[in-house]
Amino acid sequence: MTIDTLWKVADVAAFLRMSRSTVYAKVNAGLIPHRRVVGQLRFVPDEIRALVVGGA
């Protein structure tokens, strides 16, 4: 996995059809798996897709 394969907050928001502020809130609540890269949130696409499949 490289930094190019990770999603940004805007990518996750678009994929999950929610606002960026909702993504941040769910990250802070521990509901969305994420990584921090140089202080910025990044997401593994397969983990986000698994949320949808798992119904989270």
Foldseek 3Di string as FASTA:
>chain_A
DDPVQWAALVVLCVVVVHDSVVVVVCVVVVNQDWDADVNGTTHHVVSSVVCVVVVD
